[in-house]
């Protein structure tokens, strides 16, 4: 599934970044790498997402979030 399809207050693992090379490098520098656990904090009306990555909040627009593949984290315990 894509990050754009993700639900609020859920945790996901990043599986792939499918955006321009320069944007991919920037997102990786911010900690958004394959296998990274992220949490969707909020969804804005215009399609933007607020996510938490390694303790940092990031805002991603629809174009970016629709091109990031994620999978839902399994419940611990």
C-alpha atoms as a PDB file:
ATOM      1  CA  UNK A   1       0.000   0.000   0.000  1.00  0.00           C
ATOM      2  CA  UNK A   2       1.101   3.598  -0.340  1.00  0.00           C
ATOM      3  CA  UNK A   3       1.656   5.986   2.526  1.00  0.00           C
ATOM      4  CA  UNK A   4      -1.159   8.126   1.112  1.00  0.00           C
ATOM      5  CA  UNK A   5      -3.577   5.240   1.824  1.00  0.00           C
ATOM      6  CA  UNK A   6      -2.328   4.863   5.405  1.00  0.00           C
ATOM      7  CA  UNK A   7      -4.657   5.435   8.345  1.00  0.00           C
ATOM      8  CA  UNK A   8      -4.160   7.990  11.097  1.00  0.00           C
ATOM      9  CA  UNK A   9      -2.564   6.765  14.363  1.00  0.00           C
ATOM     10  CA  UNK A  10      -1.197   3.584  12.740  1.00  0.00           C
ATOM     11  CA  UNK A  11       2.417   2.459  12.442  1.00  0.00           C
ATOM     12  CA  UNK A  12       3.983   1.306   9.189  1.00  0.00           C
ATOM     13  CA  UNK A  13       7.312   0.118   7.817  1.00  0.00           C
ATOM     14  CA  UNK A  14       8.737   1.840   4.757  1.00  0.00           C
ATOM     15  CA  UNK A  15       9.217  -0.607   1.878  1.00  0.00           C
ATOM     16  CA  UNK A  16      10.274   1.713  -0.932  1.00  0.00           C
ATOM     17  CA  UNK A  17      10.644   5.296  -2.086  1.00  0.00           C
ATOM     18  CA  UNK A  18       9.552   5.817  -5.702  1.00  0.00           C
ATOM     19  CA  UNK A  19      10.212   9.513  -6.249  1.00  0.00           C
ATOM     20  CA  UNK A  20      12.899  11.505  -8.040  1.00  0.00           C
ATOM     21  CA  UNK A  21      16.483  10.636  -7.056  1.00  0.00           C
ATOM     22  CA  UNK A  22      17.163  14.003  -5.393  1.00  0.00           C
ATOM     23  CA  UNK A  23      13.963  13.730  -3.334  1.00  0.00           C
ATOM     24  CA  UNK A  24      14.798  10.140  -2.396  1.00  0.00           C
ATOM     25  CA  UNK A  25      18.219  11.223  -1.104  1.00  0.00           C
ATOM     26  CA  UNK A  26      16.643  14.058   0.905  1.00  0.00           C
ATOM     27  CA  UNK A  27      14.030  11.764   2.478  1.00  0.00           C
ATOM     28  CA  UNK A  28      16.734   9.220   3.317  1.00  0.00           C
ATOM     29  CA  UNK A  29      18.807  11.976   4.952  1.00  0.00           C
ATOM     30  CA  UNK A  30      15.750  12.761   7.098  1.00  0.00           C
ATOM     31  CA  UNK A  31      15.599   9.108   8.198  1.00  0.00           C
ATOM     32  CA  UNK A  32      12.961   7.775   5.801  1.00  0.00           C
ATOM     33  CA  UNK A  33      14.776   4.607   4.676  1.00  0.00           C
ATOM     34  CA  UNK A  34      13.569   1.122   3.758  1.00  0.00           C
ATOM     35  CA  UNK A  35      12.609  -0.713   6.938  1.00  0.00           C
ATOM     36  CA  UNK A  36      12.106   2.465   8.976  1.00  0.00           C
ATOM     37  CA  UNK A  37       9.096   2.494  11.295  1.00  0.00           C
ATOM     38  CA  UNK A  38       6.848   5.523  10.844  1.00  0.00           C
ATOM     39  CA  UNK A  39       3.609   6.656  12.458  1.00  0.00           C
ATOM     40  CA  UNK A  40       0.877   8.679  10.747  1.00  0.00           C
ATOM     41  CA  UNK A  41      -0.010  11.494  13.145  1.00  0.00           C
ATOM     42  CA  UNK A  42      -2.523  13.492  11.108  1.00  0.00           C
ATOM     43  CA  UNK A  43      -4.134  13.890   7.697  1.00  0.00           C
ATOM     44  CA  UNK A  44      -4.842  17.336   6.273  1.00  0.00           C
ATOM     45  CA  UNK A  45      -7.759  18.181   3.973  1.00  0.00           C
ATOM     46  CA  UNK A  46      -5.535  18.954   0.992  1.00  0.00           C
ATOM     47  CA  UNK A  47      -4.002  15.455   1.133  1.00  0.00           C
ATOM     48  CA  UNK A  48      -0.901  16.229   3.170  1.00  0.00           C
ATOM     49  CA  UNK A  49       0.196  13.825   5.891  1.00  0.00           C
ATOM     50  CA  UNK A  50       2.006  14.545   9.135  1.00  0.00           C
ATOM     51  CA  UNK A  51       4.198  11.579  10.037  1.00  0.00           C
ATOM     52  CA  UNK A  52       6.641  10.788  12.813  1.00  0.00           C
ATOM     53  CA  UNK A  53      10.003   9.357  11.791  1.00  0.00           C
ATOM     54  CA  UNK A  54      12.577   8.539  14.474  1.00  0.00           C
ATOM     55  CA  UNK A  55      11.219  11.193  16.822  1.00  0.00           C
ATOM     56  CA  UNK A  56      10.867  13.895  14.160  1.00  0.00           C
ATOM     57  CA  UNK A  57       7.636  15.142  12.596  1.00  0.00           C
ATOM     58  CA  UNK A  58       7.529  15.536   8.831  1.00  0.00           C
ATOM     59  CA  UNK A  59       4.823  16.912   6.562  1.00  0.00           C
ATOM     60  CA  UNK A  60       4.529  15.184   3.196  1.00  0.00           C
ATOM     61  CA  UNK A  61       2.313  16.258   0.331  1.00  0.00           C
ATOM     62  CA  UNK A  62       0.095  13.947  -1.697  1.00  0.00           C
ATOM     63  CA  UNK A  63       2.667  13.585  -4.506  1.00  0.00           C
ATOM     64  CA  UNK A  64       5.300  12.238  -2.118  1.00  0.00           C
ATOM     65  CA  UNK A  65       3.072  10.089   0.068  1.00  0.00           C
ATOM     66  CA  UNK A  66       1.458   8.446  -2.970  1.00  0.00           C
ATOM     67  CA  UNK A  67       4.908   7.282  -4.106  1.00  0.00           C
ATOM     68  CA  UNK A  68       6.123   5.768  -0.833  1.00  0.00           C
ATOM     69  CA  UNK A  69       5.317   2.088  -0.329  1.00  0.00           C
ATOM     70  CA  UNK A  70       4.621   0.950   3.232  1.00  0.00           C
ATOM     71  CA  UNK A  71       3.253  -2.063   5.037  1.00  0.00           C
ATOM     72  CA  UNK A  72       1.397  -2.116   8.321  1.00  0.00           C
ATOM     73  CA  UNK A  73       3.382  -3.107  11.405  1.00  0.00           C
ATOM     74  CA  UNK A  74       2.153  -6.221  13.120  1.00  0.00           C
ATOM     75  CA  UNK A  75       0.807  -5.746  16.631  1.00  0.00           C
ATOM     76  CA  UNK A  76       3.448  -6.406  19.258  1.00  0.00           C
ATOM     77  CA  UNK A  77       2.792  -8.939  21.919  1.00  0.00           C
END
